[in-house]
Amino acid sequence: MGVNLSIKNVPAEKVELLKQRAKRNHRSLQGELLAIVDQAIETGDRTITLRELAARAREIGLSTPDESTHWIRELRDSR
């Protein structure tokens, strides 16, 4: 049996962004929030694959090699 979680006082603009994200992913808001929790748990402290890195780059809209290089270096240096 699942457990109900609650996040209080979420700013309206963040709720709207979450709703837009859910719509893009063809999910309900509840489904999107669960997907975010699953992703956070799954990726935790583990190393990600190049395929996952490329998917993440597409998700956040990176479009040039310079942007990708900068993002990869930031990720690497944050460890």
PDB file of N, CA and C in Angstrom:
ATOM      1  N   MET A   1       0.828  -1.172   0.000  1.00  0.00           N
ATOM      2  CA  MET A   1       0.000   0.000   0.000  1.00  0.00           C
ATOM      3  C   MET A   1       0.882   1.248   0.000  1.00  0.00           C
ATOM      4  N   GLY A   2       0.545   2.218  -0.821  1.00  0.00           N
ATOM      5  CA  GLY A   2       1.312   3.451  -0.916  1.00  0.00           C
ATOM      6  C   GLY A   2       1.066   4.385   0.245  1.00  0.00           C
ATOM      7  N   VAL A   3       1.921   5.372   0.364  1.00  0.00           N
ATOM      8  CA  VAL A   3       1.835   6.385   1.402  1.00  0.00           C
ATOM      9  C   VAL A   3       1.556   7.722   0.733  1.00  0.00           C
ATOM     10  N   ASN A   4       0.687   8.519   1.293  1.00  0.00           N
ATOM     11  CA  ASN A   4       0.403   9.848   0.769  1.00  0.00           C
ATOM     12  C   ASN A   4       1.433  10.838   1.285  1.00  0.00           C
ATOM     13  N   LEU A   5       1.975  11.652   0.376  1.00  0.00           N
ATOM     14  CA  LEU A   5       2.916  12.707   0.734  1.00  0.00           C
ATOM     15  C   LEU A   5       2.277  14.041   0.401  1.00  0.00           C
ATOM     16  N   SER A   6       2.710  15.087   1.082  1.00  0.00           N
ATOM     17  CA  SER A   6       2.154  16.411   0.842  1.00  0.00           C
ATOM     18  C   SER A   6       3.267  17.444   0.847  1.00  0.00           C
ATOM     19  N   ILE A   7       3.210  18.367  -0.099  1.00  0.00           N
ATOM     20  CA  ILE A   7       4.140  19.495  -0.127  1.00  0.00           C
ATOM     21  C   ILE A   7       3.293  20.745   0.041  1.00  0.00           C
ATOM     22  N   LYS A   8       3.559  21.495   1.070  1.00  0.00           N
ATOM     23  CA  LYS A   8       2.742  22.672   1.378  1.00  0.00           C
ATOM     24  C   LYS A   8       3.400  23.945   0.846  1.00  0.00           C
ATOM     25  N   ASN A   9       2.570  24.935   0.566  1.00  0.00           N
ATOM     26  CA  ASN A   9       3.017  26.278   0.196  1.00  0.00           C
ATOM     27  C   ASN A   9       3.879  26.330  -1.056  1.00  0.00           C
ATOM     28  N   VAL A  10       3.550  25.536  -2.045  1.00  0.00           N
ATOM     29  CA  VAL A  10       4.273  25.571  -3.320  1.00  0.00           C
ATOM     30  C   VAL A  10       3.815  26.812  -4.077  1.00  0.00           C
ATOM     31  N   PRO A  11       4.747  27.659  -4.522  1.00  0.00           N
ATOM     32  CA  PRO A  11       4.363  28.863  -5.257  1.00  0.00           C
ATOM     33  C   PRO A  11       3.569  28.513  -6.520  1.00  0.00           C
ATOM     34  N   ALA A  12       2.572  29.325  -6.829  1.00  0.00           N
ATOM     35  CA  ALA A  12       1.682  29.075  -7.965  1.00  0.00           C
ATOM     36  C   ALA A  12       2.445  28.929  -9.272  1.00  0.00           C
ATOM     37  N   GLU A  13       3.514  29.721  -9.458  1.00  0.00           N
ATOM     38  CA  GLU A  13       4.272  29.627 -10.716  1.00  0.00           C
ATOM     39  C   GLU A  13       4.978  28.280 -10.855  1.00  0.00           C
ATOM     40  N   LYS A  14       5.409  27.704  -9.740  1.00  0.00           N
ATOM     41  CA  LYS A  14       6.040  26.377  -9.796  1.00  0.00           C
ATOM     42  C   LYS A  14       4.999  25.302 -10.088  1.00  0.00           C
ATOM     43  N   VAL A  15       3.814  25.459  -9.522  1.00  0.00           N
ATOM     44  CA  VAL A  15       2.734  24.507  -9.810  1.00  0.00           C
ATOM     45  C   VAL A  15       2.403  24.543 -11.290  1.00  0.00           C
ATOM     46  N   GLU A  16       2.336  25.736 -11.857  1.00  0.00           N
ATOM     47  CA  GLU A  16       2.038  25.867 -13.287  1.00  0.00           C
ATOM     48  C   GLU A  16       3.119  25.212 -14.134  1.00  0.00           C
ATOM     49  N   LEU A  17       4.378  25.399 -13.775  1.00  0.00           N
ATOM     50  CA  LEU A  17       5.469  24.766 -14.510  1.00  0.00           C
ATOM     51  C   LEU A  17       5.392  23.244 -14.412  1.00  0.00           C
ATOM     52  N   LEU A  18       5.037  22.740 -13.235  1.00  0.00           N
ATOM     53  CA  LEU A  18       4.873  21.299 -13.073  1.00  0.00           C
ATOM     54  C   LEU A  18       3.722  20.773 -13.919  1.00  0.00           C
ATOM     55  N   LYS A  19       2.629  21.524 -13.977  1.00  0.00           N
ATOM     56  CA  LYS A  19       1.495  21.114 -14.807  1.00  0.00           C
ATOM     57  C   LYS A  19       1.892  21.085 -16.283  1.00  0.00           C
ATOM     58  N   GLN A  20       2.652  22.076 -16.716  1.00  0.00           N
ATOM     59  CA  GLN A  20       3.109  22.111 -18.112  1.00  0.00           C
ATOM     60  C   GLN A  20       4.022  20.921 -18.411  1.00  0.00           C
ATOM     61  N   ARG A  21       4.916  20.630 -17.466  1.00  0.00           N
ATOM     62  CA  ARG A  21       5.811  19.480 -17.633  1.00  0.00           C
ATOM     63  C   ARG A  21       5.015  18.186 -17.721  1.00  0.00           C
ATOM     64  N   ALA A  22       4.010  18.040 -16.854  1.00  0.00           N
ATOM     65  CA  ALA A  22       3.167  16.845 -16.869  1.00  0.00           C
ATOM     66  C   ALA A  22       2.466  16.710 -18.215  1.00  0.00           C
ATOM     67  N   LYS A  23       1.959  17.815 -18.724  1.00  0.00           N
ATOM     68  CA  LYS A  23       1.263  17.782 -20.012  1.00  0.00           C
ATOM     69  C   LYS A  23       2.213  17.364 -21.134  1.00  0.00           C
ATOM     70  N   ARG A  24       3.433  17.918 -21.127  1.00  0.00           N
ATOM     71  CA  ARG A  24       4.426  17.542 -22.149  1.00  0.00           C
ATOM     72  C   ARG A  24       4.732  16.052 -22.108  1.00  0.00           C
ATOM     73  N   ASN A  25       4.697  15.481 -20.913  1.00  0.00           N
ATOM     74  CA  ASN A  25       5.023  14.063 -20.735  1.00  0.00           C
ATOM     75  C   ASN A  25       3.794  13.163 -20.753  1.00  0.00           C
ATOM     76  N   HIS A  26       2.642  13.744 -21.082  1.00  0.00           N
ATOM     77  CA  HIS A  26       1.388  12.987 -21.178  1.00  0.00           C
ATOM     78  C   HIS A  26       1.070  12.269 -19.865  1.00  0.00           C
ATOM     79  N   ARG A  27       1.205  13.031 -18.759  1.00  0.00           N
ATOM     80  CA  ARG A  27       0.925  12.480 -17.432  1.00  0.00           C
ATOM     81  C   ARG A  27       0.009  13.437 -16.676  1.00  0.00           C
ATOM     82  N   SER A  28      -0.625  12.902 -15.659  1.00  0.00           N
ATOM     83  CA  SER A  28      -1.339  13.762 -14.712  1.00  0.00           C
ATOM     84  C   SER A  28      -0.284  14.445 -13.847  1.00  0.00           C
ATOM     85  N   LEU A  29      -0.696  15.451 -13.101  1.00  0.00           N
ATOM     86  CA  LEU A  29       0.238  16.109 -12.183  1.00  0.00           C
ATOM     87  C   LEU A  29       0.762  15.097 -11.169  1.00  0.00           C
ATOM     88  N   GLN A  30      -0.124  14.262 -10.649  1.00  0.00           N
ATOM     89  CA  GLN A  30       0.284  13.223  -9.702  1.00  0.00           C
ATOM     90  C   GLN A  30       1.308  12.274 -10.334  1.00  0.00           C
ATOM     91  N   GLY A  31       1.047  11.868 -11.571  1.00  0.00           N
ATOM     92  CA  GLY A  31       1.970  10.974 -12.268  1.00  0.00           C
ATOM     93  C   GLY A  31       3.322  11.617 -12.499  1.00  0.00           C
ATOM     94  N   GLU A  32       3.305  12.903 -12.826  1.00  0.00           N
ATOM     95  CA  GLU A  32       4.565  13.617 -13.056  1.00  0.00           C
ATOM     96  C   GLU A  32       5.369  13.735 -11.761  1.00  0.00           C
ATOM     97  N   LEU A  33       4.691  14.055 -10.675  1.00  0.00           N
ATOM     98  CA  LEU A  33       5.391  14.159  -9.392  1.00  0.00           C
ATOM     99  C   LEU A  33       5.999  12.819  -8.979  1.00  0.00           C
ATOM    100  N   LEU A  34       5.268  11.741  -9.204  1.00  0.00           N
ATOM    101  CA  LEU A  34       5.801  10.416  -8.884  1.00  0.00           C
ATOM    102  C   LEU A  34       7.001  10.091  -9.785  1.00  0.00           C
ATOM    103  N   ALA A  35       6.941  10.477 -11.054  1.00  0.00           N
ATOM    104  CA  ALA A  35       8.066  10.254 -11.969  1.00  0.00           C
ATOM    105  C   ALA A  35       9.296  11.036 -11.502  1.00  0.00           C
ATOM    106  N   ILE A  36       9.094  12.251 -11.012  1.00  0.00           N
ATOM    107  CA  ILE A  36      10.211  13.054 -10.503  1.00  0.00           C
ATOM    108  C   ILE A  36      10.825  12.386  -9.278  1.00  0.00           C
ATOM    109  N   VAL A  37       9.994  11.895  -8.380  1.00  0.00           N
ATOM    110  CA  VAL A  37      10.496  11.197  -7.191  1.00  0.00           C
ATOM    111  C   VAL A  37      11.254   9.940  -7.615  1.00  0.00           C
ATOM    112  N   ASP A  38      10.679   9.162  -8.531  1.00  0.00           N
ATOM    113  CA  ASP A  38      11.350   7.947  -9.016  1.00  0.00           C
ATOM    114  C   ASP A  38      12.706   8.274  -9.620  1.00  0.00           C
ATOM    115  N   GLN A  39      12.764   9.317 -10.429  1.00  0.00           N
ATOM    116  CA  GLN A  39      14.017   9.711 -11.080  1.00  0.00           C
ATOM    117  C   GLN A  39      15.049  10.143 -10.046  1.00  0.00           C
ATOM    118  N   ALA A  40      14.621  10.899  -9.052  1.00  0.00           N
ATOM    119  CA  ALA A  40      15.544  11.360  -8.011  1.00  0.00           C
ATOM    120  C   ALA A  40      16.132  10.183  -7.242  1.00  0.00           C
ATOM    121  N   ILE A  41      15.297   9.206  -6.941  1.00  0.00           N
ATOM    122  CA  ILE A  41      15.766   8.031  -6.200  1.00  0.00           C
ATOM    123  C   ILE A  41      16.670   7.176  -7.078  1.00  0.00           C
ATOM    124  N   GLU A  42      16.278   7.014  -8.329  1.00  0.00           N
ATOM    125  CA  GLU A  42      17.020   6.167  -9.258  1.00  0.00           C
ATOM    126  C   GLU A  42      18.408   6.721  -9.542  1.00  0.00           C
ATOM    127  N   THR A  43      18.528   8.017  -9.739  1.00  0.00           N
ATOM    128  CA  THR A  43      19.816   8.591 -10.115  1.00  0.00           C
ATOM    129  C   THR A  43      20.657   8.988  -8.918  1.00  0.00           C
ATOM    130  N   GLY A  44      20.060   9.167  -7.756  1.00  0.00           N
ATOM    131  CA  GLY A  44      20.771   9.447  -6.515  1.00  0.00           C
ATOM    132  C   GLY A  44      22.219   9.834  -6.662  1.00  0.00           C
ATOM    133  N   ASP A  45      23.128   9.004  -6.163  1.00  0.00           N
ATOM    134  CA  ASP A  45      24.556   9.291  -6.209  1.00  0.00           C
ATOM    135  C   ASP A  45      25.286   8.458  -7.254  1.00  0.00           C
ATOM    136  N   ARG A  46      24.549   7.788  -8.103  1.00  0.00           N
ATOM    137  CA  ARG A  46      25.224   6.917  -9.063  1.00  0.00           C
ATOM    138  C   ARG A  46      25.697   7.706 -10.282  1.00  0.00           C
ATOM    139  N   THR A  47      26.626   7.149 -10.996  1.00  0.00           N
ATOM    140  CA  THR A  47      27.111   7.741 -12.237  1.00  0.00           C
ATOM    141  C   THR A  47      26.061   7.509 -13.316  1.00  0.00           C
ATOM    142  N   ILE A  48      25.852   8.508 -14.178  1.00  0.00           N
ATOM    143  CA  ILE A  48      24.873   8.341 -15.244  1.00  0.00           C
ATOM    144  C   ILE A  48      25.581   7.921 -16.524  1.00  0.00           C
ATOM    145  N   THR A  49      24.855   7.255 -17.406  1.00  0.00           N
ATOM    146  CA  THR A  49      25.415   6.815 -18.676  1.00  0.00           C
ATOM    147  C   THR A  49      25.431   7.975 -19.664  1.00  0.00           C
ATOM    148  N   LEU A  50      26.184   7.818 -20.734  1.00  0.00           N
ATOM    149  CA  LEU A  50      26.202   8.845 -21.781  1.00  0.00           C
ATOM    150  C   LEU A  50      24.818   9.030 -22.394  1.00  0.00           C
ATOM    151  N   ARG A  51      24.092   7.959 -22.541  1.00  0.00           N
ATOM    152  CA  ARG A  51      22.730   8.036 -23.080  1.00  0.00           C
ATOM    153  C   ARG A  51      21.838   8.880 -22.162  1.00  0.00           C
ATOM    154  N   GLU A  52      21.967   8.651 -20.836  1.00  0.00           N
ATOM    155  CA  GLU A  52      21.192   9.442 -19.875  1.00  0.00           C
ATOM    156  C   GLU A  52      21.624  10.907 -19.896  1.00  0.00           C
ATOM    157  N   LEU A  53      22.916  11.136 -20.028  1.00  0.00           N
ATOM    158  CA  LEU A  53      23.432  12.493 -20.105  1.00  0.00           C
ATOM    159  C   LEU A  53      22.900  13.213 -21.342  1.00  0.00           C
ATOM    160  N   ALA A  54      22.906  12.520 -22.478  1.00  0.00           N
ATOM    161  CA  ALA A  54      22.385  13.107 -23.707  1.00  0.00           C
ATOM    162  C   ALA A  54      20.894  13.418 -23.578  1.00  0.00           C
ATOM    163  N   ALA A  55      20.144  12.507 -22.963  1.00  0.00           N
ATOM    164  CA  ALA A  55      18.714  12.739 -22.760  1.00  0.00           C
ATOM    165  C   ALA A  55      18.501  13.946 -21.858  1.00  0.00           C
ATOM    166  N   ARG A  56      19.298  14.055 -20.810  1.00  0.00           N
ATOM    167  CA  ARG A  56      19.178  15.201 -19.900  1.00  0.00           C
ATOM    168  C   ARG A  56      19.506  16.506 -20.630  1.00  0.00           C
ATOM    169  N   ALA A  57      20.524  16.483 -21.471  1.00  0.00           N
ATOM    170  CA  ALA A  57      20.883  17.675 -22.238  1.00  0.00           C
ATOM    171  C   ALA A  57      19.725  18.109 -23.131  1.00  0.00           C
ATOM    172  N   ARG A  58      19.058  17.141 -23.765  1.00  0.00           N
ATOM    173  CA  ARG A  58      17.896  17.476 -24.600  1.00  0.00           C
ATOM    174  C   ARG A  58      16.762  18.034 -23.750  1.00  0.00           C
ATOM    175  N   GLU A  59      16.548  17.451 -22.572  1.00  0.00           N
ATOM    176  CA  GLU A  59      15.475  17.909 -21.676  1.00  0.00           C
ATOM    177  C   GLU A  59      15.638  19.373 -21.290  1.00  0.00           C
ATOM    178  N   ILE A  60      16.876  19.786 -21.020  1.00  0.00           N
ATOM    179  CA  ILE A  60      17.084  21.159 -20.570  1.00  0.00           C
ATOM    180  C   ILE A  60      17.389  22.107 -21.727  1.00  0.00           C
ATOM    181  N   GLY A  61      17.364  21.585 -22.947  1.00  0.00           N
ATOM    182  CA  GLY A  61      17.452  22.444 -24.116  1.00  0.00           C
ATOM    183  C   GLY A  61      18.841  22.851 -24.558  1.00  0.00           C
ATOM    184  N   LEU A  62      19.869  22.098 -24.205  1.00  0.00           N
ATOM    185  CA  LEU A  62      21.210  22.415 -24.688  1.00  0.00           C
ATOM    186  C   LEU A  62      21.265  22.204 -26.194  1.00  0.00           C
ATOM    187  N   SER A  63      21.898  23.150 -26.878  1.00  0.00           N
ATOM    188  CA  SER A  63      21.887  23.030 -28.328  1.00  0.00           C
ATOM    189  C   SER A  63      23.254  23.160 -28.980  1.00  0.00           C
ATOM    190  N   THR A  64      24.256  23.652 -28.269  1.00  0.00           N
ATOM    191  CA  THR A  64      25.571  23.798 -28.879  1.00  0.00           C
ATOM    192  C   THR A  64      26.605  22.999 -28.086  1.00  0.00           C
ATOM    193  N   PRO A  65      27.689  22.601 -28.745  1.00  0.00           N
ATOM    194  CA  PRO A  65      28.728  21.847 -28.030  1.00  0.00           C
ATOM    195  C   PRO A  65      29.292  22.622 -26.844  1.00  0.00           C
ATOM    196  N   ASP A  66      29.428  23.954 -26.967  1.00  0.00           N
ATOM    197  CA  ASP A  66      29.955  24.741 -25.866  1.00  0.00           C
ATOM    198  C   ASP A  66      29.060  24.661 -24.638  1.00  0.00           C
ATOM    199  N   GLU A  67      27.747  24.723 -24.844  1.00  0.00           N
ATOM    200  CA  GLU A  67      26.821  24.614 -23.719  1.00  0.00           C
ATOM    201  C   GLU A  67      26.948  23.242 -23.070  1.00  0.00           C
ATOM    202  N   SER A  68      27.032  22.217 -23.887  1.00  0.00           N
ATOM    203  CA  SER A  68      27.141  20.854 -23.362  1.00  0.00           C
ATOM    204  C   SER A  68      28.420  20.685 -22.550  1.00  0.00           C
ATOM    205  N   THR A  69      29.527  21.190 -23.087  1.00  0.00           N
ATOM    206  CA  THR A  69      30.802  21.081 -22.394  1.00  0.00           C
ATOM    207  C   THR A  69      30.747  21.773 -21.047  1.00  0.00           C
ATOM    208  N   HIS A  70      30.186  22.971 -21.031  1.00  0.00           N
ATOM    209  CA  HIS A  70      30.060  23.730 -19.779  1.00  0.00           C
ATOM    210  C   HIS A  70      29.214  22.959 -18.769  1.00  0.00           C
ATOM    211  N   TRP A  71      28.087  22.410 -19.229  1.00  0.00           N
ATOM    212  CA  TRP A  71      27.191  21.674 -18.331  1.00  0.00           C
ATOM    213  C   TRP A  71      27.882  20.423 -17.777  1.00  0.00           C
ATOM    214  N   ILE A  72      28.593  19.698 -18.627  1.00  0.00           N
ATOM    215  CA  ILE A  72      29.287  18.478 -18.195  1.00  0.00           C
ATOM    216  C   ILE A  72      30.367  18.825 -17.168  1.00  0.00           C
ATOM    217  N   ARG A  73      31.102  19.897 -17.420  1.00  0.00           N
ATOM    218  CA  ARG A  73      32.146  20.297 -16.467  1.00  0.00           C
ATOM    219  C   ARG A  73      31.552  20.697 -15.117  1.00  0.00           C
ATOM    220  N   GLU A  74      30.439  21.423 -15.145  1.00  0.00           N
ATOM    221  CA  GLU A  74      29.783  21.795 -13.889  1.00  0.00           C
ATOM    222  C   GLU A  74      29.341  20.551 -13.124  1.00  0.00           C
ATOM    223  N   LEU A  75      28.760  19.589 -13.835  1.00  0.00           N
ATOM    224  CA  LEU A  75      28.312  18.357 -13.206  1.00  0.00           C
ATOM    225  C   LEU A  75      29.496  17.602 -12.606  1.00  0.00           C
ATOM    226  N   ARG A  76      30.572  17.502 -13.367  1.00  0.00           N
ATOM    227  CA  ARG A  76      31.765  16.799 -12.895  1.00  0.00           C
ATOM    228  C   ARG A  76      32.368  17.489 -11.688  1.00  0.00           C
ATOM    229  N   ASP A  77      32.493  18.811 -11.749  1.00  0.00           N
ATOM    230  CA  ASP A  77      33.141  19.563 -10.672  1.00  0.00           C
ATOM    231  C   ASP A  77      32.305  19.639  -9.408  1.00  0.00           C
ATOM    232  N   SER A  78      31.021  19.348  -9.512  1.00  0.00           N
ATOM    233  CA  SER A  78      30.144  19.426  -8.341  1.00  0.00           C
ATOM    234  C   SER A  78      30.277  18.201  -7.447  1.00  0.00           C
ATOM    235  N   ARG A  79      31.006  17.210  -7.879  1.00  0.00           N
ATOM    236  CA  ARG A  79      31.149  15.968  -7.094  1.00  0.00           C
ATOM    237  C   ARG A  79      32.173  16.100  -6.015  1.00  0.00           C
TER     238      ARG A  79
END
